[in-house]
Amino acid sequence: MTRGLAWGGAAALGLAGAIAAVALAPSPPGPPGPEPGRALYRSHCATCHGADGRGGSWRARLLFLRPGDLADPGATLEEPYLTEIIRRGGADFGKPGMPSFGFTLSEADIRGLVAYVRALSVPPRTPTP
């Protein structure tokens, strides 16, 4: 009986260690964009929306969240909408998983973050020959 408990405890400890390693691993750098919005996005948004803004982060998969695809060129996210959802959170907009950052970020920070998020959905330019 104690051998079974020891194996169960070791398995639980191993699983907790693996989850902690994934959770604490740094996210890959996102696409280039205007600063300071890029740094703010990486520290406040990338854990759910992913480094590239497509919503495929480990946290989203683990918690069964479906954050919006911010990099979709077809989805036009207007500046007032982005400003308010970042400031007030998603509950008022039908997106209850989106936290509010109005008490965390300054108005200048929110404007910078909005500029970066809007830049994510702009398709990269291909050089013309």
Protein backbone atom coordinates (compact mmCIF):
# COMPACT_ATOMS: atom_id res chain seq x y z
CA MET A 1 0.00 0.00 0.00
CA THR A 2 2.75 2.48 0.86
CA ARG A 3 4.58 1.63 -2.38
CA GLY A 4 1.47 2.69 -4.35
CA LEU A 5 1.28 5.95 -2.44
CA ALA A 6 4.96 6.61 -3.09
CA TRP A 7 4.51 6.10 -6.84
CA GLY A 8 1.39 8.25 -6.86
CA GLY A 9 3.18 11.02 -4.98
CA ALA A 10 6.16 10.83 -7.33
CA ALA A 11 3.88 11.00 -10.36
CA ALA A 12 2.01 14.00 -8.95
CA LEU A 13 5.30 15.74 -8.17
CA GLY A 14 6.59 15.04 -11.68
CA LEU A 15 3.39 16.38 -13.24
CA ALA A 16 3.53 19.52 -11.09
CA GLY A 17 7.16 20.04 -12.10
CA ALA A 18 6.33 19.67 -15.79
CA ILE A 19 3.46 22.16 -15.54
CA ALA A 20 5.68 24.62 -13.67
CA ALA A 21 8.42 24.28 -16.29
CA VAL A 22 5.97 25.04 -19.11
CA ALA A 23 4.36 27.89 -17.18
CA LEU A 24 7.65 29.56 -16.34
CA ALA A 25 9.28 29.11 -19.75
CA PRO A 26 9.73 32.42 -21.52
CA SER A 27 7.48 33.01 -24.48
CA PRO A 28 9.11 33.35 -27.89
CA PRO A 29 9.58 36.88 -29.16
CA GLY A 30 6.63 38.29 -31.02
CA PRO A 31 6.64 39.96 -34.38
CA PRO A 32 8.32 43.35 -34.61
CA GLY A 33 6.12 46.31 -33.91
CA PRO A 34 5.93 49.66 -32.21
CA GLU A 35 7.44 49.99 -28.76
CA PRO A 36 6.54 50.16 -25.88
CA GLY A 37 3.48 48.24 -27.04
CA ARG A 38 5.50 45.17 -28.00
CA ALA A 39 7.05 44.85 -24.53
CA LEU A 40 3.68 45.45 -22.86
CA TYR A 41 2.03 42.84 -25.09
CA ARG A 42 4.72 40.31 -24.27
CA SER A 43 4.37 40.84 -20.52
CA HIS A 44 0.56 41.18 -20.26
CA CYS A 45 -1.04 39.51 -23.29
CA ALA A 46 1.19 36.84 -24.83
CA THR A 47 0.46 34.26 -22.13
CA CYS A 48 -3.10 33.95 -23.47
CA HIS A 49 -3.01 35.37 -27.01
CA GLY A 50 0.39 33.83 -27.86
CA ALA A 51 3.54 35.62 -28.94
CA ASP A 52 2.20 35.99 -32.48
CA GLY A 53 -1.32 37.04 -31.40
CA ARG A 54 -3.06 33.98 -32.84
CA GLY A 55 -4.34 32.67 -29.49
CA GLY A 56 -2.39 29.40 -29.46
CA SER A 57 -0.62 29.73 -26.13
CA TRP A 58 -0.04 26.97 -23.58
CA ARG A 59 -2.31 28.76 -21.12
CA ALA A 60 -5.18 28.89 -23.59
CA ARG A 61 -4.83 25.17 -24.31
CA LEU A 62 -4.44 24.21 -20.64
CA LEU A 63 -7.42 26.25 -19.44
CA PHE A 64 -9.58 25.60 -22.54
CA LEU A 65 -9.70 29.31 -23.34
CA ARG A 66 -10.26 30.67 -26.81
CA PRO A 67 -8.64 34.11 -26.85
CA GLY A 68 -9.22 36.16 -29.96
CA ASP A 69 -6.92 35.86 -32.96
CA LEU A 70 -5.38 39.32 -32.96
CA ALA A 71 -3.27 38.59 -36.04
CA ASP A 72 -6.18 37.81 -38.37
CA PRO A 73 -6.04 40.41 -41.17
CA GLY A 74 -9.76 39.88 -41.79
CA ALA A 75 -10.71 40.93 -38.27
CA THR A 76 -10.65 44.70 -38.11
CA LEU A 77 -10.29 45.65 -34.47
CA GLU A 78 -11.05 49.33 -34.11
CA GLU A 79 -9.00 51.47 -31.77
CA PRO A 80 -11.89 52.50 -29.44
CA TYR A 81 -12.94 48.84 -29.04
CA LEU A 82 -9.41 47.68 -28.24
CA THR A 83 -8.86 50.58 -25.85
CA GLU A 84 -12.01 49.82 -23.87
CA ILE A 85 -11.59 46.04 -23.75
CA ILE A 86 -8.01 46.45 -22.51
CA ARG A 87 -9.06 49.09 -19.97
CA ARG A 88 -12.29 47.46 -18.70
CA GLY A 89 -11.83 43.77 -19.51
CA GLY A 90 -13.99 41.55 -21.65
CA ALA A 91 -17.03 40.97 -19.44
CA ASP A 92 -18.88 43.98 -20.89
CA PHE A 93 -18.06 42.76 -24.42
CA GLY A 94 -19.09 39.11 -24.10
CA LYS A 95 -15.51 37.94 -23.53
CA PRO A 96 -15.40 37.05 -19.81
CA GLY A 97 -11.91 35.51 -19.95
CA MET A 98 -10.27 38.83 -20.83
CA PRO A 99 -8.97 40.59 -17.70
CA SER A 100 -9.01 44.36 -17.28
CA PHE A 101 -5.79 46.35 -17.24
CA GLY A 102 -7.21 49.79 -16.46
CA PHE A 103 -5.75 49.76 -12.95
CA THR A 104 -2.44 48.27 -14.10
CA LEU A 105 -1.55 50.23 -17.21
CA SER A 106 -1.45 53.98 -17.77
CA GLU A 107 -3.40 55.58 -20.61
CA ALA A 108 -0.13 55.96 -22.55
CA ASP A 109 0.61 52.26 -22.02
CA ILE A 110 -2.87 51.30 -23.26
CA ARG A 111 -2.41 53.47 -26.38
CA GLY A 112 0.95 51.80 -27.04
CA LEU A 113 -0.56 48.35 -26.55
CA VAL A 114 -3.43 49.16 -28.91
CA ALA A 115 -0.94 50.32 -31.56
CA TYR A 116 0.98 47.05 -31.27
CA VAL A 117 -2.15 44.86 -31.34
CA ARG A 118 -3.38 46.67 -34.46
CA ALA A 119 0.03 46.12 -36.08
CA LEU A 120 -0.30 42.35 -35.51
CA SER A 121 -3.17 42.12 -38.00
CA VAL A 122 -1.37 43.96 -40.78
CA PRO A 123 -0.08 41.42 -43.30
CA PRO A 124 3.67 41.59 -43.87
CA ARG A 125 4.70 43.41 -47.00
CA THR A 126 6.29 41.39 -49.73
CA PRO A 127 9.03 43.14 -51.64
CA THR A 128 8.18 43.94 -55.23
CA PRO A 129 10.80 43.03 -57.84
